[in-house]
N, C-alpha and C. Protein backbone atom coordinates (compact mmCIF):
# COMPACT_ATOMS: atom_id res chain seq x y z
N MET A 1 18.50 -27.66 57.03
CA MET A 1 17.90 -27.48 55.34
C MET A 1 17.22 -26.29 55.07
N ILE A 2 17.63 -26.02 53.78
CA ILE A 2 16.88 -24.95 53.16
C ILE A 2 16.28 -25.40 51.69
N VAL A 3 15.12 -24.87 51.78
CA VAL A 3 14.31 -25.40 50.52
C VAL A 3 13.67 -24.70 50.14
N ALA A 4 14.13 -24.01 48.35
CA ALA A 4 13.76 -23.25 47.57
C ALA A 4 12.23 -22.83 47.47
N ALA A 5 11.60 -21.87 48.03
CA ALA A 5 10.50 -21.59 48.03
C ALA A 5 9.81 -20.14 47.22
N SER A 6 9.72 -20.37 45.81
CA SER A 6 9.34 -18.93 45.31
C SER A 6 7.92 -18.19 45.53
N CYS A 7 8.00 -17.30 45.44
CA CYS A 7 6.86 -16.34 45.59
C CYS A 7 5.96 -16.70 46.49
N VAL A 8 6.98 -16.55 48.02
CA VAL A 8 5.98 -16.81 49.37
C VAL A 8 5.72 -15.30 49.95
N THR A 9 4.62 -15.07 50.81
CA THR A 9 4.37 -14.25 51.39
C THR A 9 4.09 -14.60 52.48
N LEU A 10 4.69 -13.98 53.56
CA LEU A 10 5.19 -13.97 54.76
C LEU A 10 3.99 -13.67 55.97
N THR A 11 3.18 -14.95 56.42
CA THR A 11 2.50 -14.75 57.79
C THR A 11 3.13 -15.43 58.96
N GLY A 12 3.46 -14.40 59.89
CA GLY A 12 4.15 -14.91 61.03
C GLY A 12 5.55 -15.57 60.51
N ALA A 13 6.12 -16.74 60.94
CA ALA A 13 7.66 -17.30 60.15
C ALA A 13 7.41 -18.02 59.35
N VAL A 14 6.32 -18.82 59.25
CA VAL A 14 6.27 -19.67 58.55
C VAL A 14 5.61 -19.23 56.85
N PRO A 15 6.13 -19.61 55.42
CA PRO A 15 5.56 -18.89 54.33
C PRO A 15 4.12 -19.22 54.58
N GLU A 16 3.08 -18.30 53.82
CA GLU A 16 1.94 -18.44 53.53
C GLU A 16 1.45 -20.17 52.95
N GLY A 17 0.87 -20.64 53.03
CA GLY A 17 0.46 -21.83 52.49
C GLY A 17 1.20 -22.95 53.06
N TRP A 18 2.57 -23.03 53.94
CA TRP A 18 3.41 -23.96 54.46
C TRP A 18 2.98 -24.53 55.38
N MET A 19 3.33 -25.73 55.99
CA MET A 19 3.48 -25.99 57.43
C MET A 19 4.55 -26.41 58.28
N VAL A 20 4.53 -26.60 59.43
CA VAL A 20 5.65 -27.47 60.08
C VAL A 20 5.17 -28.91 60.49
N ALA A 21 5.54 -29.87 59.89
CA ALA A 21 5.22 -31.06 60.08
C ALA A 21 6.18 -32.15 61.01
N GLY A 22 5.78 -33.56 60.61
CA GLY A 22 6.53 -34.58 61.11
C GLY A 22 6.39 -35.30 62.42
N SER A 23 7.02 -35.93 62.80
CA SER A 23 7.03 -36.69 63.84
C SER A 23 7.12 -35.78 65.05
N GLN A 24 7.94 -34.71 64.95
CA GLN A 24 8.43 -33.56 66.14
C GLN A 24 8.80 -32.04 65.61
N PRO A 25 7.38 -31.58 65.20
CA PRO A 25 6.92 -30.44 64.62
C PRO A 25 7.90 -29.20 65.67
N ALA A 26 6.95 -29.43 66.79
CA ALA A 26 7.58 -28.45 67.87
C ALA A 26 8.85 -28.13 67.87
N LYS A 27 9.99 -29.32 67.77
CA LYS A 27 11.21 -29.09 67.89
C LYS A 27 12.21 -28.60 66.69
N TYR A 28 11.31 -27.66 65.73
CA TYR A 28 11.54 -27.04 64.43
C TYR A 28 11.18 -25.75 64.42
N ALA A 29 12.05 -25.02 63.42
CA ALA A 29 11.71 -23.56 63.40
C ALA A 29 11.56 -23.39 61.92
N ALA A 30 10.82 -22.73 61.07
CA ALA A 30 10.99 -22.26 60.07
C ALA A 30 10.72 -21.05 59.54
N GLY A 31 11.21 -20.44 58.78
CA GLY A 31 10.39 -19.36 58.24
C GLY A 31 11.29 -18.87 56.69
N VAL A 32 11.34 -17.79 56.39
CA VAL A 32 11.92 -17.13 55.06
C VAL A 32 13.21 -16.57 55.36
N ASP A 33 13.95 -17.18 54.46
CA ASP A 33 15.36 -16.20 54.60
C ASP A 33 15.56 -15.14 53.15
N THR A 34 15.81 -14.39 53.54
CA THR A 34 15.88 -13.08 52.57
C THR A 34 17.05 -12.87 52.17
N THR A 35 17.98 -13.55 52.36
CA THR A 35 19.64 -13.16 52.69
C THR A 35 19.74 -14.59 51.45
N VAL A 36 19.44 -15.57 51.39
CA VAL A 36 19.90 -16.85 50.52
C VAL A 36 18.51 -16.92 49.67
N LEU A 37 19.28 -16.71 48.37
CA LEU A 37 18.30 -16.78 47.44
C LEU A 37 18.57 -17.63 46.55
N TYR A 38 17.70 -17.88 45.42
CA TYR A 38 18.03 -19.22 44.49
C TYR A 38 16.81 -18.52 43.33
N GLN A 39 17.91 -18.56 42.39
CA GLN A 39 17.28 -17.90 41.23
C GLN A 39 16.63 -16.84 40.99
N GLY A 40 17.01 -15.66 42.13
CA GLY A 40 16.52 -14.66 42.26
C GLY A 40 14.75 -14.65 43.50
N HIS A 41 14.98 -15.80 43.99
CA HIS A 41 13.66 -15.71 44.89
C HIS A 41 14.11 -16.01 45.93
N ARG A 42 13.40 -15.99 47.24
CA ARG A 42 13.67 -15.75 48.39
C ARG A 42 13.61 -17.47 48.69
N SER A 43 14.20 -17.87 49.95
CA SER A 43 14.47 -19.50 50.43
C SER A 43 13.83 -19.40 51.81
N ALA A 44 12.94 -20.43 51.78
CA ALA A 44 12.42 -20.70 53.14
C ALA A 44 13.37 -21.79 53.73
N TYR A 45 13.25 -21.87 55.17
CA TYR A 45 14.27 -22.50 55.99
C TYR A 45 13.60 -23.72 57.10
N LEU A 46 14.23 -24.78 57.34
CA LEU A 46 13.99 -25.62 58.17
C LEU A 46 14.71 -25.53 58.85
N LYS A 47 14.92 -25.74 60.43
CA LYS A 47 16.18 -25.90 61.12
C LYS A 47 15.88 -26.55 62.43
N SER A 48 16.31 -27.31 63.33
CA SER A 48 16.17 -27.90 64.48
C SER A 48 16.55 -26.52 65.61
N LYS A 49 15.60 -26.79 66.76
CA LYS A 49 15.66 -25.95 67.76
C LYS A 49 16.68 -26.70 68.38
N GLU A 50 17.10 -27.76 68.85
CA GLU A 50 17.95 -28.37 69.60
C GLU A 50 18.82 -29.49 68.48
N GLN A 51 19.82 -29.78 69.53
CA GLN A 51 21.06 -30.50 68.69
C GLN A 51 20.45 -31.68 68.44
N MET A 52 19.87 -32.49 69.06
CA MET A 52 19.39 -33.87 69.26
C MET A 52 18.03 -33.74 69.21
N THR A 53 17.34 -34.09 67.91
CA THR A 53 15.68 -34.41 68.02
C THR A 53 14.97 -35.66 68.48
N GLY A 54 15.63 -36.39 68.21
CA GLY A 54 14.91 -37.91 68.59
C GLY A 54 13.98 -38.20 67.80
N GLY A 55 13.27 -37.16 66.39
CA GLY A 55 12.22 -37.24 65.60
C GLY A 55 12.72 -36.51 64.24
N PHE A 56 11.54 -36.11 63.43
CA PHE A 56 11.73 -35.60 62.05
C PHE A 56 11.00 -34.25 62.09
N GLY A 57 11.52 -33.12 61.50
CA GLY A 57 10.11 -32.26 60.85
C GLY A 57 10.35 -32.10 59.52
N THR A 58 9.46 -31.31 59.23
CA THR A 58 9.21 -31.31 57.72
C THR A 58 8.98 -29.89 57.38
N LEU A 59 9.14 -29.06 56.38
CA LEU A 59 8.30 -27.73 56.15
C LEU A 59 7.28 -28.42 54.53
N MET A 60 6.10 -28.21 54.61
CA MET A 60 5.53 -28.54 53.31
C MET A 60 4.29 -28.24 53.39
N GLN A 61 3.77 -28.22 52.07
CA GLN A 61 2.09 -27.86 51.89
C GLN A 61 1.49 -28.79 51.06
N SER A 62 -0.03 -28.86 51.23
CA SER A 62 -0.68 -29.54 50.44
C SER A 62 -2.09 -28.66 49.67
N PHE A 63 -2.40 -29.01 48.80
CA PHE A 63 -3.36 -28.28 47.79
C PHE A 63 -4.63 -29.43 47.51
N ASP A 64 -5.41 -29.21 47.04
CA ASP A 64 -6.35 -29.71 46.44
C ASP A 64 -5.88 -29.84 45.09
N ALA A 65 -5.89 -31.31 44.72
CA ALA A 65 -5.54 -32.05 43.43
C ALA A 65 -6.85 -31.85 42.13
N LYS A 66 -7.74 -31.34 42.62
CA LYS A 66 -8.69 -31.19 41.67
C LYS A 66 -8.54 -30.66 40.48
N ASN A 67 -7.87 -29.66 40.31
CA ASN A 67 -7.58 -28.54 39.45
C ASN A 67 -6.38 -29.23 38.46
N TYR A 68 -5.84 -30.37 39.07
CA TYR A 68 -4.95 -30.85 38.00
C TYR A 68 -5.12 -32.34 37.22
N LEU A 69 -6.31 -33.03 37.80
CA LEU A 69 -6.77 -34.00 37.36
C LEU A 69 -6.31 -34.34 35.75
N GLY A 70 -5.84 -35.44 35.42
CA GLY A 70 -5.59 -35.65 34.11
C GLY A 70 -4.25 -34.64 33.23
N LYS A 71 -3.65 -33.84 34.20
CA LYS A 71 -3.01 -33.01 33.67
C LYS A 71 -1.62 -33.61 34.34
N ARG A 72 -0.50 -33.06 33.27
CA ARG A 72 0.96 -33.54 33.78
C ARG A 72 1.55 -32.58 34.73
N VAL A 73 2.22 -32.88 35.81
CA VAL A 73 2.71 -31.70 36.84
C VAL A 73 4.16 -32.02 37.17
N ARG A 74 4.93 -31.31 36.83
CA ARG A 74 5.90 -31.30 37.25
C ARG A 74 6.17 -30.76 38.49
N PHE A 75 7.10 -31.33 39.21
CA PHE A 75 7.96 -30.68 40.65
C PHE A 75 9.79 -30.54 40.52
N SER A 76 9.80 -29.58 40.84
CA SER A 76 11.69 -29.37 41.14
C SER A 76 11.74 -28.77 42.46
N ALA A 77 13.14 -28.90 43.13
CA ALA A 77 13.20 -28.21 44.44
C ALA A 77 14.75 -28.19 44.29
N ALA A 78 15.21 -27.57 45.16
CA ALA A 78 16.84 -27.08 45.60
C ALA A 78 16.79 -27.39 47.08
N VAL A 79 17.66 -27.76 47.41
CA VAL A 79 18.00 -28.20 49.12
C VAL A 79 19.55 -27.68 49.16
N LYS A 80 19.73 -27.00 50.24
CA LYS A 80 20.99 -27.05 50.63
C LYS A 80 21.03 -27.44 52.33
N THR A 81 22.15 -28.11 52.44
CA THR A 81 22.02 -28.68 53.94
C THR A 81 23.11 -27.72 54.59
N GLU A 82 23.02 -27.78 56.06
CA GLU A 82 24.34 -27.23 56.58
C GLU A 82 24.48 -27.76 58.11
N ASP A 83 25.47 -28.44 58.30
CA ASP A 83 25.53 -29.40 59.97
C ASP A 83 24.45 -29.96 60.05
N VAL A 84 24.42 -31.11 59.23
CA VAL A 84 23.91 -31.99 59.39
C VAL A 84 24.06 -33.46 59.86
N HIS A 85 23.67 -34.15 60.84
CA HIS A 85 24.50 -34.94 61.79
C HIS A 85 23.50 -36.11 61.87
N SER A 86 24.07 -37.43 61.49
CA SER A 86 22.84 -38.67 61.50
C SER A 86 23.15 -39.30 63.09
């Protein structure tokens, strides 16, 4: 899975402000792919380290919603998958 993440700064492998979570986060690798761009922005990726994980992983971020109380918030994303098996 590739998730578009605009204006990211690298600290280690995971973009700053993002984290790998889920039921099996240690079984997933995440980082920034500078070769896959979306509307001119680098993309973040999440990929399984194993063929079958028996759980799930997520690349996510959280923030304090206090600054957005009473305001309209719009979320959009682009997702590209490769070699996904169920």
